[in-house]
Every structure is written in C-alpha cells, then in structure tokens.
Amino acid sequence: MVSYKEIEKFNITNEEQGKAACLVYLDLCEGKQWWNVDLHPCHDLDLVLISGHATRHTSRELVLPLPRGCSVSPSDLQNYLHKASLGDYHTSGITMAIMDTDSTTVYYKISDGLVPPASPETTELKKLNHTELINKNRLGVVASVDKYIERKRKIDRASELEIDQTELVKHMQHSDGTL
C-alpha cells in the first residue's frame, strides 16, 4: 500500500491533488479491487497519476485524481489528455477521479474527441449477459431460500419429537410412578 509520504517524494507542489491521489489509490485498490495499481508523477502537469487494471483481463487505465472544487476548463482537459502518459504507454482517454472531502469519489471517463457508441449487436449481447447474470442470481437466491425452509422444517420436526418424548416420559411418571 502507498502512503502519503511516498507521494510527497514526487515533489508535486499541489498538496490537495496529492492527498486526493492517496485516497483514490486506496479506493481503487480496496473499494474497486483494481489490479496492479501504481502511482506515477507527471511533472509536466504537476500532478500524480494512477494506473491500473479494472479487472485482471482489461487493459491498463490512467486515472487522474482531483480534489473537489478544483476548476477544470476544456483546455485543461485537452492538456491532461495530451500530456498524461506513462513512458511509452499512451491511451485514448483518461479517467478523472474527483474526490470530495468525505472521500466520496466520482469517476468520469474522458477522451480526445468523440467515441463511437457500441454496435447494436454488442449492446444486445451485453444486455443478454446481464439478464442471464440476474436470472442466475435469482435462482441462487431461490435455492438458498428453499434450503433454509427445509432446514427449518427439520429443526421443527426434531423439536416436536423432543416435546413428544418429554410428554411421554411425564405421562409415564404420573401413571405408575416409575420409568
């Protein structure tokens, strides 16, 4: 894990952005469970960038942490897009992570120019996969409820048997005084 002291070693003059970078880093690692998350100083922008993989099989993404309240103009966005890079790794866009004082983070993906939408076939396939996942989860819930009800019935039957045995013993004791 990273500490704020490590970020200070980058000699970035914008302390608020450094603090935001530390908190966004923690959110990506712990909250969103990103893979291979690293911090990178960007001295051209005087900012700290974060890179990582959203899942094990996705490509590396660049994240620009910013504290809430910092003003960002369209020219700033262009500047971020053109100067934010990791050595020989270049990306078509970056994700801005805007961090509030209570550590709430909002992520915005920005790109240079327009990004064409997914094809209707791809969109339909995503919908089908999502629907299948929801149905699978529903079936899992139904199966869990059924198992719970069955266990509850077994416990209730066992309790009834114990009560019946207890009543039988009491009845026998009262009828002849012995067991």
Protein backbone atom coordinates (compact mmCIF):
# COMPACT_ATOMS: atom_id res chain seq x y z
CA MET A 1 0.00 0.00 0.00
CA VAL A 2 1.03 3.55 -0.61
CA SER A 3 1.39 6.24 1.98
CA TYR A 4 1.13 9.97 1.58
CA LYS A 5 4.85 10.21 2.38
CA GLU A 6 5.60 8.28 -0.80
CA ILE A 7 3.52 10.73 -2.82
CA GLU A 8 5.38 13.64 -1.24
CA LYS A 9 8.63 12.21 -2.66
CA PHE A 10 7.32 13.02 -6.16
CA ASN A 11 7.79 16.75 -5.36
CA ILE A 12 4.35 17.70 -6.66
CA THR A 13 3.52 21.21 -5.47
CA ASN A 14 -0.25 20.67 -5.43
CA GLU A 15 -0.75 19.13 -1.96
CA GLU A 16 -4.53 18.78 -2.33
CA GLN A 17 -4.09 16.74 -5.50
CA GLY A 18 -1.53 14.56 -3.72
CA LYS A 19 -3.99 13.88 -0.90
CA ALA A 20 -6.71 13.09 -3.43
CA ALA A 21 -4.29 10.73 -5.21
CA CYS A 22 -3.65 8.84 -1.98
CA LEU A 23 -7.38 8.43 -1.26
CA VAL A 24 -8.26 7.49 -4.86
CA TYR A 25 -5.43 4.95 -4.82
CA LEU A 26 -6.96 3.37 -1.72
CA ASP A 27 -10.44 3.41 -3.28
CA LEU A 28 -9.19 1.70 -6.45
CA CYS A 29 -7.24 -0.94 -4.50
CA GLU A 30 -9.66 -1.65 -1.67
CA GLY A 31 -13.07 -0.47 -2.86
CA LYS A 32 -12.97 -1.31 -6.55
CA GLN A 33 -10.35 -4.07 -6.26
CA TRP A 34 -8.25 -2.99 -9.23
CA TRP A 35 -5.16 -4.96 -10.23
CA ASN A 36 -1.54 -3.73 -10.46
CA VAL A 37 -2.29 -0.21 -9.27
CA ASP A 38 0.69 2.17 -9.42
CA LEU A 39 1.35 5.85 -8.81
CA HIS A 40 3.22 7.97 -11.34
CA PRO A 41 4.39 11.57 -11.10
CA CYS A 42 3.55 13.72 -14.11
CA HIS A 43 5.90 16.68 -13.75
CA ASP A 44 4.60 18.30 -16.97
CA LEU A 45 1.21 18.72 -15.29
CA ASP A 46 2.50 18.88 -11.69
CA LEU A 47 0.08 16.05 -10.82
CA VAL A 48 0.13 12.45 -9.66
CA LEU A 49 -1.44 9.88 -12.00
CA ILE A 50 -2.63 6.40 -11.10
CA SER A 51 -2.57 3.45 -13.46
CA GLY A 52 -4.10 0.02 -13.07
CA HIS A 53 -6.39 -2.64 -14.43
CA ALA A 54 -10.09 -2.57 -13.52
CA THR A 55 -10.14 -6.37 -13.83
CA ARG A 56 -7.45 -8.94 -14.35
CA HIS A 57 -8.13 -9.12 -18.09
CA THR A 58 -8.66 -5.46 -19.02
CA SER A 59 -6.09 -3.08 -20.39
CA ARG A 60 -4.28 -0.57 -18.19
CA GLU A 61 -6.18 2.65 -17.50
CA LEU A 62 -4.93 6.04 -16.41
CA VAL A 63 -6.70 7.81 -13.57
CA LEU A 64 -6.25 11.48 -12.75
CA PRO A 65 -7.24 12.18 -9.13
CA LEU A 66 -8.52 15.68 -8.49
CA PRO A 67 -9.85 17.26 -5.30
CA ARG A 68 -13.40 18.56 -5.36
CA GLY A 69 -13.56 22.25 -6.03
CA CYS A 70 -10.64 22.47 -8.44
CA SER A 71 -11.68 24.16 -11.64
CA VAL A 72 -11.18 22.25 -14.87
CA SER A 73 -11.62 24.03 -18.19
CA PRO A 74 -11.92 22.40 -21.61
CA SER A 75 -8.34 23.45 -22.33
CA ASP A 76 -7.25 21.76 -19.07
CA LEU A 77 -8.96 18.56 -20.24
CA GLN A 78 -7.09 18.74 -23.56
CA ASN A 79 -3.86 19.35 -21.69
CA TYR A 80 -4.48 16.33 -19.43
CA LEU A 81 -5.27 14.11 -22.42
CA HIS A 82 -2.16 15.11 -24.35
CA LYS A 83 0.38 15.20 -21.53
CA ALA A 84 -0.83 12.40 -19.30
CA SER A 85 1.13 9.32 -20.32
CA LEU A 86 3.33 6.63 -18.85
CA GLY A 87 6.54 6.47 -20.81
CA ASP A 88 5.75 4.58 -23.99
CA TYR A 89 2.21 3.69 -22.91
CA HIS A 90 -0.35 6.04 -24.43
CA THR A 91 -4.08 5.88 -24.04
CA SER A 92 -7.01 7.32 -25.94
CA GLY A 93 -8.51 8.70 -22.75
CA ILE A 94 -8.16 9.04 -19.02
CA THR A 95 -10.49 8.71 -16.08
CA MET A 96 -10.86 11.71 -13.82
CA ALA A 97 -11.48 10.77 -10.21
CA ILE A 98 -12.99 13.71 -8.37
CA MET A 99 -12.62 13.22 -4.61
CA ASP A 100 -14.84 15.01 -2.09
CA THR A 101 -13.73 15.85 1.45
CA ASP A 102 -15.70 12.88 2.85
CA SER A 103 -13.76 10.60 0.40
CA THR A 104 -16.74 10.16 -1.92
CA THR A 105 -15.29 9.70 -5.39
CA VAL A 106 -16.93 10.25 -8.76
CA TYR A 107 -15.23 8.82 -11.84
CA TYR A 108 -15.55 10.41 -15.29
CA LYS A 109 -14.04 8.89 -18.41
CA ILE A 110 -12.84 11.50 -20.84
CA SER A 111 -11.40 11.02 -24.30
CA ASP A 112 -9.99 13.12 -27.08
CA GLY A 113 -12.86 13.70 -29.48
CA LEU A 114 -15.99 11.61 -29.84
CA VAL A 115 -16.02 7.94 -29.00
CA PRO A 116 -18.32 5.94 -31.27
CA PRO A 117 -21.03 4.01 -29.44
CA ALA A 118 -21.02 0.24 -29.32
CA SER A 119 -22.79 -1.53 -32.16
CA PRO A 120 -26.40 -2.61 -31.60
CA GLU A 121 -25.25 -6.25 -31.63
CA THR A 122 -22.69 -5.59 -28.89
CA THR A 123 -25.25 -3.68 -26.82
CA GLU A 124 -27.78 -6.50 -27.20
CA LEU A 125 -25.16 -9.08 -26.19
CA LYS A 126 -24.30 -7.06 -23.06
CA LYS A 127 -28.00 -6.87 -22.17
CA LEU A 128 -28.40 -10.64 -22.60
CA ASN A 129 -25.33 -11.36 -20.48
CA HIS A 130 -26.62 -9.01 -17.77
CA THR A 131 -30.07 -10.62 -17.86
CA GLU A 132 -28.52 -14.10 -17.60
CA LEU A 133 -26.46 -12.98 -14.61
CA ILE A 134 -29.54 -11.55 -12.89
CA ASN A 135 -31.52 -14.75 -13.55
CA LYS A 136 -28.65 -16.88 -12.28
CA ASN A 137 -28.51 -14.79 -9.09
CA ARG A 138 -32.28 -15.12 -8.67
CA LEU A 139 -32.06 -18.90 -8.98
CA GLY A 140 -29.31 -18.90 -6.38
CA VAL A 141 -31.49 -16.90 -4.01
CA VAL A 142 -34.46 -19.21 -4.58
CA ALA A 143 -32.27 -22.27 -3.94
CA SER A 144 -30.91 -20.71 -0.76
CA VAL A 145 -34.42 -19.92 0.48
CA ASP A 146 -35.54 -23.48 -0.30
CA LYS A 147 -32.57 -24.89 1.66
CA TYR A 148 -33.37 -22.60 4.59
CA ILE A 149 -37.03 -23.68 4.64
CA GLU A 150 -36.06 -27.36 4.50
CA ARG A 151 -33.58 -26.94 7.38
CA LYS A 152 -36.18 -25.05 9.40
CA ARG A 153 -38.71 -27.87 8.85
CA LYS A 154 -36.17 -30.48 10.01
CA ILE A 155 -35.41 -28.45 13.13
CA ASP A 156 -39.13 -28.01 13.82
CA ARG A 157 -39.72 -31.77 13.38
CA ALA A 158 -36.82 -32.58 15.71
CA SER A 159 -38.19 -30.14 18.28
CA GLU A 160 -41.65 -31.74 18.05
CA LEU A 161 -40.12 -35.17 18.60
CA GLU A 162 -38.28 -33.91 21.68
CA ILE A 163 -41.51 -32.43 23.05
CA ASP A 164 -43.39 -35.68 22.33
CA GLN A 165 -40.72 -37.72 24.12
CA THR A 166 -40.73 -35.34 27.08
CA GLU A 167 -44.53 -35.57 27.35
CA LEU A 168 -44.37 -39.37 27.13
CA VAL A 169 -41.86 -39.54 29.98
CA LYS A 170 -44.01 -37.21 32.11
CA HIS A 171 -47.11 -39.25 31.36
CA MET A 172 -45.36 -42.47 32.29
CA GLN A 173 -44.06 -40.98 35.54
CA HIS A 174 -47.55 -39.85 36.56
CA SER A 175 -49.29 -43.09 35.65
CA ASP A 176 -47.27 -45.58 37.69
CA GLY A 177 -44.54 -43.51 39.31
CA THR A 178 -41.68 -45.35 37.61
CA LEU A 179 -39.95 -45.34 34.30
